[in-house]
All heavy atoms as atom14 arrays in JSON, in Angstrom:
{
  "sequence": "GEVLREVKDVNNAAASLASAMASGESSSDAARELERRLGV",
  "atom14_mask": [
    [1, 1, 1, 1, 0, 0, 0, 0, 0, 0, 0, 0, 0, 0],
    [1, 1, 1, 1, 1, 1, 1, 1, 1, 0, 0, 0, 0, 0],
    [1, 1, 1, 1, 1, 1, 1, 0, 0, 0, 0, 0, 0, 0],
    [1, 1, 1, 1, 1, 1, 1, 1, 0, 0, 0, 0, 0, 0],
    [1, 1, 1, 1, 1, 1, 1, 1, 1, 1, 1, 0, 0, 0],
    [1, 1, 1, 1, 1, 1, 1, 1, 1, 0, 0, 0, 0, 0],
    [1, 1, 1, 1, 1, 1, 1, 0, 0, 0, 0, 0, 0, 0],
    [1, 1, 1, 1, 1, 1, 1, 1, 1, 0, 0, 0, 0, 0],
    [1, 1, 1, 1, 1, 1, 1, 1, 0, 0, 0, 0, 0, 0],
    [1, 1, 1, 1, 1, 1, 1, 0, 0, 0, 0, 0, 0, 0],
    [1, 1, 1, 1, 1, 1, 1, 1, 0, 0, 0, 0, 0, 0],
    [1, 1, 1, 1, 1, 1, 1, 1, 0, 0, 0, 0, 0, 0],
    [1, 1, 1, 1, 1, 0, 0, 0, 0, 0, 0, 0, 0, 0],
    [1, 1, 1, 1, 1, 0, 0, 0, 0, 0, 0, 0, 0, 0],
    [1, 1, 1, 1, 1, 0, 0, 0, 0, 0, 0, 0, 0, 0],
    [1, 1, 1, 1, 1, 1, 0, 0, 0, 0, 0, 0, 0, 0],
    [1, 1, 1, 1, 1, 1, 1, 1, 0, 0, 0, 0, 0, 0],
    [1, 1, 1, 1, 1, 0, 0, 0, 0, 0, 0, 0, 0, 0],
    [1, 1, 1, 1, 1, 1, 0, 0, 0, 0, 0, 0, 0, 0],
    [1, 1, 1, 1, 1, 0, 0, 0, 0, 0, 0, 0, 0, 0],
    [1, 1, 1, 1, 1, 1, 1, 1, 0, 0, 0, 0, 0, 0],
    [1, 1, 1, 1, 1, 0, 0, 0, 0, 0, 0, 0, 0, 0],
    [1, 1, 1, 1, 1, 1, 0, 0, 0, 0, 0, 0, 0, 0],
    [1, 1, 1, 1, 0, 0, 0, 0, 0, 0, 0, 0, 0, 0],
    [1, 1, 1, 1, 1, 1, 1, 1, 1, 0, 0, 0, 0, 0],
    [1, 1, 1, 1, 1, 1, 0, 0, 0, 0, 0, 0, 0, 0],
    [1, 1, 1, 1, 1, 1, 0, 0, 0, 0, 0, 0, 0, 0],
    [1, 1, 1, 1, 1, 1, 0, 0, 0, 0, 0, 0, 0, 0],
    [1, 1, 1, 1, 1, 1, 1, 1, 0, 0, 0, 0, 0, 0],
    [1, 1, 1, 1, 1, 0, 0, 0, 0, 0, 0, 0, 0, 0],
    [1, 1, 1, 1, 1, 0, 0, 0, 0, 0, 0, 0, 0, 0],
    [1, 1, 1, 1, 1, 1, 1, 1, 1, 1, 1, 0, 0, 0],
    [1, 1, 1, 1, 1, 1, 1, 1, 1, 0, 0, 0, 0, 0],
    [1, 1, 1, 1, 1, 1, 1, 1, 0, 0, 0, 0, 0, 0],
    [1, 1, 1, 1, 1, 1, 1, 1, 1, 0, 0, 0, 0, 0],
    [1, 1, 1, 1, 1, 1, 1, 1, 1, 1, 1, 0, 0, 0],
    [1, 1, 1, 1, 1, 1, 1, 1, 1, 1, 1, 0, 0, 0],
    [1, 1, 1, 1, 1, 1, 1, 1, 0, 0, 0, 0, 0, 0],
    [1, 1, 1, 1, 0, 0, 0, 0, 0, 0, 0, 0, 0, 0],
    [1, 1, 1, 1, 1, 1, 1, 0, 0, 0, 0, 0, 0, 0]
  ],
  "atom14_positions": [
    [[-63.13, 157.86, 48.85], [-62.83, 158.95, 48.14], [-61.42, 158.87, 47.38], [-60.67, 159.8, 47.31], [0.0, 0.0, 0.0], [0.0, 0.0, 0.0], [0.0, 0.0, 0.0], [0.0, 0.0, 0.0], [0.0, 0.0, 0.0], [0.0, 0.0, 0.0], [0.0, 0.0, 0.0], [0.0, 0.0, 0.0], [0.0, 0.0, 0.0], [0.0, 0.0, 0.0]],
    [[-60.98, 157.61, 46.93], [-59.7, 157.44, 46.33], [-59.64, 158.17, 45.01], [-60.71, 158.26, 44.34], [-59.42, 156.04, 46.33], [-59.27, 155.35, 47.59], [-58.73, 153.89, 47.47], [-58.21, 153.55, 46.41], [-58.67, 153.12, 48.48], [0.0, 0.0, 0.0], [0.0, 0.0, 0.0], [0.0, 0.0, 0.0], [0.0, 0.0, 0.0], [0.0, 0.0, 0.0]],
    [[-58.43, 158.42, 44.62], [-58.3, 159.14, 43.27], [-57.46, 158.1, 42.31], [-56.87, 157.24, 42.83], [-57.53, 160.51, 43.32], [-58.49, 161.51, 44.11], [-56.32, 160.31, 44.05], [0.0, 0.0, 0.0], [0.0, 0.0, 0.0], [0.0, 0.0, 0.0], [0.0, 0.0, 0.0], [0.0, 0.0, 0.0], [0.0, 0.0, 0.0], [0.0, 0.0, 0.0]],
    [[-57.51, 158.4, 41.1], [-56.64, 157.74, 40.18], [-55.23, 157.57, 40.54], [-54.54, 158.58, 40.77], [-56.84, 158.41, 38.83], [-56.28, 157.52, 37.5], [-57.11, 156.28, 37.38], [-56.35, 158.41, 36.38], [0.0, 0.0, 0.0], [0.0, 0.0, 0.0], [0.0, 0.0, 0.0], [0.0, 0.0, 0.0], [0.0, 0.0, 0.0], [0.0, 0.0, 0.0]],
    [[-54.58, 156.45, 40.66], [-53.24, 156.31, 41.23], [-52.24, 157.1, 40.26], [-51.47, 157.71, 40.98], [-52.95, 154.8, 40.97], [-51.51, 154.45, 41.58], [-51.18, 152.97, 41.49], [-51.12, 152.44, 40.32], [-51.45, 151.16, 39.85], [-51.81, 150.32, 40.93], [-51.4, 150.66, 38.65], [0.0, 0.0, 0.0], [0.0, 0.0, 0.0], [0.0, 0.0, 0.0]],
    [[-52.35, 157.18, 39.04], [-51.43, 157.86, 38.14], [-51.56, 159.39, 38.4], [-50.48, 160.07, 38.38], [-51.69, 157.55, 36.77], [-51.19, 156.23, 36.29], [-52.23, 155.05, 36.69], [-53.24, 155.36, 37.16], [-51.9, 153.85, 36.33], [0.0, 0.0, 0.0], [0.0, 0.0, 0.0], [0.0, 0.0, 0.0], [0.0, 0.0, 0.0], [0.0, 0.0, 0.0]],
    [[-52.8, 159.78, 38.72], [-52.93, 161.24, 39.16], [-52.23, 161.55, 40.36], [-51.61, 162.63, 40.58], [-54.42, 161.63, 39.13], [-54.69, 162.96, 39.8], [-55.07, 161.58, 37.72], [0.0, 0.0, 0.0], [0.0, 0.0, 0.0], [0.0, 0.0, 0.0], [0.0, 0.0, 0.0], [0.0, 0.0, 0.0], [0.0, 0.0, 0.0], [0.0, 0.0, 0.0]],
    [[-52.42, 160.61, 41.29], [-51.68, 160.94, 42.63], [-50.34, 160.87, 42.53], [-49.55, 161.71, 43.14], [-52.23, 159.75, 43.57], [-51.69, 160.0, 45.09], [-52.33, 158.98, 46.04], [-52.15, 157.58, 45.66], [-52.88, 156.63, 46.69], [0.0, 0.0, 0.0], [0.0, 0.0, 0.0], [0.0, 0.0, 0.0], [0.0, 0.0, 0.0], [0.0, 0.0, 0.0]],
    [[-49.73, 159.96, 41.62], [-48.31, 159.91, 41.49], [-47.7, 161.2, 40.85], [-46.68, 161.76, 41.31], [-47.91, 158.62, 40.55], [-48.17, 157.37, 41.28], [-48.22, 157.4, 42.53], [-48.19, 156.29, 40.54], [0.0, 0.0, 0.0], [0.0, 0.0, 0.0], [0.0, 0.0, 0.0], [0.0, 0.0, 0.0], [0.0, 0.0, 0.0], [0.0, 0.0, 0.0]],
    [[-48.49, 161.75, 39.87], [-48.0, 162.94, 39.19], [-48.13, 164.1, 40.1], [-47.26, 164.93, 40.08], [-48.75, 163.24, 37.78], [-48.58, 164.62, 37.29], [-48.38, 162.08, 36.81], [0.0, 0.0, 0.0], [0.0, 0.0, 0.0], [0.0, 0.0, 0.0], [0.0, 0.0, 0.0], [0.0, 0.0, 0.0], [0.0, 0.0, 0.0], [0.0, 0.0, 0.0]],
    [[-49.34, 164.19, 40.86], [-49.32, 165.32, 41.75], [-48.28, 165.23, 42.88], [-47.74, 166.33, 43.19], [-50.76, 165.06, 42.48], [-51.9, 165.68, 41.55], [-51.66, 166.37, 40.62], [-53.15, 165.35, 41.94], [0.0, 0.0, 0.0], [0.0, 0.0, 0.0], [0.0, 0.0, 0.0], [0.0, 0.0, 0.0], [0.0, 0.0, 0.0], [0.0, 0.0, 0.0]],
    [[-48.03, 164.13, 43.29], [-46.88, 164.12, 44.43], [-45.55, 164.46, 43.83], [-44.73, 165.1, 44.6], [-46.77, 162.64, 44.95], [-48.01, 162.27, 45.79], [-48.63, 163.06, 46.28], [-48.23, 160.89, 45.97], [0.0, 0.0, 0.0], [0.0, 0.0, 0.0], [0.0, 0.0, 0.0], [0.0, 0.0, 0.0], [0.0, 0.0, 0.0], [0.0, 0.0, 0.0]],
    [[-45.27, 164.0, 42.62], [-43.95, 164.34, 42.11], [-43.96, 165.94, 41.77], [-42.92, 166.62, 41.95], [-43.72, 163.62, 40.72], [0.0, 0.0, 0.0], [0.0, 0.0, 0.0], [0.0, 0.0, 0.0], [0.0, 0.0, 0.0], [0.0, 0.0, 0.0], [0.0, 0.0, 0.0], [0.0, 0.0, 0.0], [0.0, 0.0, 0.0], [0.0, 0.0, 0.0]],
    [[-45.09, 166.46, 41.29], [-45.1, 167.84, 41.08], [-44.92, 168.71, 42.36], [-44.29, 169.76, 42.46], [-46.47, 168.25, 40.38], [0.0, 0.0, 0.0], [0.0, 0.0, 0.0], [0.0, 0.0, 0.0], [0.0, 0.0, 0.0], [0.0, 0.0, 0.0], [0.0, 0.0, 0.0], [0.0, 0.0, 0.0], [0.0, 0.0, 0.0], [0.0, 0.0, 0.0]],
    [[-45.59, 168.27, 43.5], [-45.51, 168.79, 44.75], [-44.01, 168.81, 45.32], [-43.58, 169.86, 45.97], [-46.49, 168.17, 45.67], [0.0, 0.0, 0.0], [0.0, 0.0, 0.0], [0.0, 0.0, 0.0], [0.0, 0.0, 0.0], [0.0, 0.0, 0.0], [0.0, 0.0, 0.0], [0.0, 0.0, 0.0], [0.0, 0.0, 0.0], [0.0, 0.0, 0.0]],
    [[-43.4, 167.71, 45.04], [-42.02, 167.54, 45.46], [-41.08, 168.58, 44.88], [-40.21, 169.27, 45.39], [-41.52, 166.14, 45.22], [-42.16, 165.13, 46.13], [0.0, 0.0, 0.0], [0.0, 0.0, 0.0], [0.0, 0.0, 0.0], [0.0, 0.0, 0.0], [0.0, 0.0, 0.0], [0.0, 0.0, 0.0], [0.0, 0.0, 0.0], [0.0, 0.0, 0.0]],
    [[-41.3, 168.69, 43.48], [-40.53, 169.57, 42.66], [-40.88, 171.02, 43.05], [-39.88, 171.81, 43.3], [-40.85, 169.41, 41.14], [-40.15, 170.46, 40.22], [-38.72, 170.35, 40.3], [-40.59, 170.08, 38.71], [0.0, 0.0, 0.0], [0.0, 0.0, 0.0], [0.0, 0.0, 0.0], [0.0, 0.0, 0.0], [0.0, 0.0, 0.0], [0.0, 0.0, 0.0]],
    [[-41.98, 171.41, 43.26], [-42.31, 172.77, 43.64], [-41.76, 173.16, 45.11], [-41.24, 174.15, 45.28], [-43.94, 172.91, 43.79], [0.0, 0.0, 0.0], [0.0, 0.0, 0.0], [0.0, 0.0, 0.0], [0.0, 0.0, 0.0], [0.0, 0.0, 0.0], [0.0, 0.0, 0.0], [0.0, 0.0, 0.0], [0.0, 0.0, 0.0], [0.0, 0.0, 0.0]],
    [[-41.79, 172.11, 46.05], [-41.21, 172.27, 47.4], [-39.8, 172.46, 47.28], [-39.19, 173.3, 47.96], [-41.63, 170.97, 48.17], [-40.88, 171.15, 49.52], [0.0, 0.0, 0.0], [0.0, 0.0, 0.0], [0.0, 0.0, 0.0], [0.0, 0.0, 0.0], [0.0, 0.0, 0.0], [0.0, 0.0, 0.0], [0.0, 0.0, 0.0], [0.0, 0.0, 0.0]],
    [[-39.03, 171.62, 46.52], [-37.58, 171.87, 46.23], [-37.21, 173.27, 45.81], [-36.32, 173.77, 46.3], [-36.99, 170.72, 45.3], [0.0, 0.0, 0.0], [0.0, 0.0, 0.0], [0.0, 0.0, 0.0], [0.0, 0.0, 0.0], [0.0, 0.0, 0.0], [0.0, 0.0, 0.0], [0.0, 0.0, 0.0], [0.0, 0.0, 0.0], [0.0, 0.0, 0.0]],
    [[-38.02, 173.71, 44.74], [-37.57, 175.07, 44.27], [-37.88, 176.16, 45.14], [-37.2, 177.1, 45.17], [-38.46, 175.2, 42.87], [-37.94, 174.4, 41.64], [-38.66, 174.82, 40.16], [-40.41, 174.21, 40.49], [0.0, 0.0, 0.0], [0.0, 0.0, 0.0], [0.0, 0.0, 0.0], [0.0, 0.0, 0.0], [0.0, 0.0, 0.0], [0.0, 0.0, 0.0]],
    [[-39.1, 176.01, 45.87], [-39.47, 176.95, 46.81], [-38.4, 177.21, 47.97], [-38.23, 178.21, 48.48], [-40.9, 176.72, 47.4], [0.0, 0.0, 0.0], [0.0, 0.0, 0.0], [0.0, 0.0, 0.0], [0.0, 0.0, 0.0], [0.0, 0.0, 0.0], [0.0, 0.0, 0.0], [0.0, 0.0, 0.0], [0.0, 0.0, 0.0], [0.0, 0.0, 0.0]],
    [[-37.8, 176.04, 48.39], [-36.86, 176.17, 49.57], [-35.4, 176.37, 49.0], [-34.65, 176.36, 49.97], [-36.91, 174.75, 50.31], [-36.52, 173.65, 49.36], [0.0, 0.0, 0.0], [0.0, 0.0, 0.0], [0.0, 0.0, 0.0], [0.0, 0.0, 0.0], [0.0, 0.0, 0.0], [0.0, 0.0, 0.0], [0.0, 0.0, 0.0], [0.0, 0.0, 0.0]],
    [[-35.31, 176.43, 47.83], [-33.96, 176.74, 47.14], [-32.99, 175.48, 47.14], [-31.88, 175.48, 46.89], [0.0, 0.0, 0.0], [0.0, 0.0, 0.0], [0.0, 0.0, 0.0], [0.0, 0.0, 0.0], [0.0, 0.0, 0.0], [0.0, 0.0, 0.0], [0.0, 0.0, 0.0], [0.0, 0.0, 0.0], [0.0, 0.0, 0.0], [0.0, 0.0, 0.0]],
    [[-33.54, 174.4, 47.35], [-32.81, 173.13, 47.28], [-32.76, 172.71, 45.86], [-33.23, 173.16, 44.98], [-33.58, 171.95, 47.95], [-33.7, 172.22, 49.44], [-34.56, 171.15, 50.08], [-34.93, 170.13, 49.34], [-34.96, 171.4, 51.34], [0.0, 0.0, 0.0], [0.0, 0.0, 0.0], [0.0, 0.0, 0.0], [0.0, 0.0, 0.0], [0.0, 0.0, 0.0]],
    [[-31.63, 171.64, 45.55], [-31.49, 171.16, 44.3], [-32.66, 170.56, 43.69], [-33.37, 169.65, 44.49], [-30.37, 170.17, 44.3], [-30.21, 169.54, 43.0], [0.0, 0.0, 0.0], [0.0, 0.0, 0.0], [0.0, 0.0, 0.0], [0.0, 0.0, 0.0], [0.0, 0.0, 0.0], [0.0, 0.0, 0.0], [0.0, 0.0, 0.0], [0.0, 0.0, 0.0]],
    [[-33.24, 170.83, 42.55], [-34.44, 170.35, 42.07], [-34.2, 169.34, 41.03], [-35.25, 168.96, 40.27], [-35.33, 171.48, 41.63], [-34.55, 172.17, 40.68], [0.0, 0.0, 0.0], [0.0, 0.0, 0.0], [0.0, 0.0, 0.0], [0.0, 0.0, 0.0], [0.0, 0.0, 0.0], [0.0, 0.0, 0.0], [0.0, 0.0, 0.0], [0.0, 0.0, 0.0]],
    [[-32.97, 168.89, 40.56], [-32.85, 168.2, 39.45], [-33.32, 166.86, 39.49], [-33.96, 166.27, 38.63], [-31.22, 168.21, 39.16], [-30.62, 167.56, 40.3], [0.0, 0.0, 0.0], [0.0, 0.0, 0.0], [0.0, 0.0, 0.0], [0.0, 0.0, 0.0], [0.0, 0.0, 0.0], [0.0, 0.0, 0.0], [0.0, 0.0, 0.0], [0.0, 0.0, 0.0]],
    [[-33.22, 166.18, 40.73], [-33.74, 164.77, 40.87], [-35.37, 164.89, 40.87], [-35.97, 164.03, 40.39], [-33.33, 164.27, 42.24], [-31.88, 163.89, 42.33], [-31.13, 163.8, 41.2], [-31.28, 163.72, 43.49], [0.0, 0.0, 0.0], [0.0, 0.0, 0.0], [0.0, 0.0, 0.0], [0.0, 0.0, 0.0], [0.0, 0.0, 0.0], [0.0, 0.0, 0.0]],
    [[-35.97, 165.85, 41.45], [-37.35, 165.92, 41.55], [-37.8, 166.29, 40.1], [-38.89, 165.72, 39.71], [-37.83, 167.1, 42.44], [0.0, 0.0, 0.0], [0.0, 0.0, 0.0], [0.0, 0.0, 0.0], [0.0, 0.0, 0.0], [0.0, 0.0, 0.0], [0.0, 0.0, 0.0], [0.0, 0.0, 0.0], [0.0, 0.0, 0.0], [0.0, 0.0, 0.0]],
    [[-37.07, 166.94, 39.3], [-37.54, 167.28, 37.99], [-37.5, 166.12, 37.11], [-38.43, 165.84, 36.39], [-36.69, 168.35, 37.35], [0.0, 0.0, 0.0], [0.0, 0.0, 0.0], [0.0, 0.0, 0.0], [0.0, 0.0, 0.0], [0.0, 0.0, 0.0], [0.0, 0.0, 0.0], [0.0, 0.0, 0.0], [0.0, 0.0, 0.0], [0.0, 0.0, 0.0]],
    [[-36.45, 165.23, 37.27], [-36.32, 164.0, 36.54], [-37.51, 163.0, 36.94], [-38.1, 162.39, 36.01], [-35.01, 163.28, 36.88], [-33.94, 163.94, 35.96], [-32.7, 163.07, 35.96], [-32.06, 162.97, 37.38], [-31.18, 163.79, 37.66], [-30.68, 164.81, 36.95], [-30.57, 163.7, 38.89], [0.0, 0.0, 0.0], [0.0, 0.0, 0.0], [0.0, 0.0, 0.0]],
    [[-37.81, 163.0, 38.2], [-38.95, 162.1, 38.71], [-40.27, 162.46, 38.07], [-41.01, 161.68, 37.61], [-38.96, 162.05, 40.2], [-40.14, 161.37, 40.84], [-39.99, 159.89, 40.46], [-38.95, 159.35, 40.1], [-41.04, 159.07, 40.7], [0.0, 0.0, 0.0], [0.0, 0.0, 0.0], [0.0, 0.0, 0.0], [0.0, 0.0, 0.0], [0.0, 0.0, 0.0]],
    [[-40.58, 163.81, 38.12], [-41.73, 164.27, 37.42], [-41.78, 163.91, 35.93], [-42.75, 163.56, 35.44], [-41.9, 165.76, 37.7], [-43.14, 166.53, 37.0], [-44.49, 165.77, 37.51], [-43.19, 167.93, 37.29], [0.0, 0.0, 0.0], [0.0, 0.0, 0.0], [0.0, 0.0, 0.0], [0.0, 0.0, 0.0], [0.0, 0.0, 0.0], [0.0, 0.0, 0.0]],
    [[-40.64, 164.17, 35.28], [-40.6, 163.86, 33.87], [-40.86, 162.35, 33.61], [-41.57, 162.08, 32.61], [-39.28, 164.23, 33.41], [-39.02, 164.15, 31.84], [-37.79, 164.52, 31.34], [-36.85, 164.73, 32.18], [-37.54, 164.72, 30.08], [0.0, 0.0, 0.0], [0.0, 0.0, 0.0], [0.0, 0.0, 0.0], [0.0, 0.0, 0.0], [0.0, 0.0, 0.0]],
    [[-40.31, 161.52, 34.5], [-40.59, 160.03, 34.39], [-41.89, 159.81, 34.62], [-42.6, 159.02, 33.77], [-39.74, 159.41, 35.33], [-39.71, 157.86, 35.21], [-38.96, 157.16, 36.34], [-39.52, 157.32, 37.65], [-40.57, 156.36, 37.97], [-41.05, 155.55, 37.2], [-41.21, 156.54, 39.18], [0.0, 0.0, 0.0], [0.0, 0.0, 0.0], [0.0, 0.0, 0.0]],
    [[-42.56, 160.38, 35.56], [-43.95, 160.12, 35.89], [-44.88, 160.58, 34.74], [-45.92, 159.88, 34.34], [-44.45, 160.87, 37.22], [-43.82, 160.39, 38.41], [-44.33, 158.97, 38.83], [-43.82, 158.51, 40.12], [-44.1, 157.3, 40.61], [-44.95, 156.46, 39.96], [-43.62, 156.98, 41.88], [0.0, 0.0, 0.0], [0.0, 0.0, 0.0], [0.0, 0.0, 0.0]],
    [[-44.62, 161.75, 34.22], [-45.45, 162.34, 33.0], [-45.28, 161.45, 31.82], [-46.29, 161.22, 31.13], [-44.98, 163.7, 32.75], [-45.29, 164.71, 33.72], [-44.63, 166.11, 33.38], [-46.77, 164.94, 33.87], [0.0, 0.0, 0.0], [0.0, 0.0, 0.0], [0.0, 0.0, 0.0], [0.0, 0.0, 0.0], [0.0, 0.0, 0.0], [0.0, 0.0, 0.0]],
    [[-44.1, 160.8, 31.68], [-43.98, 159.82, 30.41], [-44.82, 158.66, 30.56], [-45.5, 158.3, 29.6], [0.0, 0.0, 0.0], [0.0, 0.0, 0.0], [0.0, 0.0, 0.0], [0.0, 0.0, 0.0], [0.0, 0.0, 0.0], [0.0, 0.0, 0.0], [0.0, 0.0, 0.0], [0.0, 0.0, 0.0], [0.0, 0.0, 0.0], [0.0, 0.0, 0.0]],
    [[-44.93, 158.1, 31.85], [-45.78, 157.04, 32.02], [-47.24, 157.43, 31.86], [-48.07, 156.77, 31.33], [-45.53, 156.35, 33.44], [-46.55, 155.3, 33.86], [-44.11, 155.81, 33.53], [0.0, 0.0, 0.0], [0.0, 0.0, 0.0], [0.0, 0.0, 0.0], [0.0, 0.0, 0.0], [0.0, 0.0, 0.0], [0.0, 0.0, 0.0], [0.0, 0.0, 0.0]]
  ]
}
């Protein structure tokens, strides 16, 4: 039941950003990572 690698990468980056924001942590690094993944 594997999924598309790029979908998994974007989903993981989005989850990391959401987790950072929900916990009140700095989200700048996670946001940049998601932006990079979305560009690819």
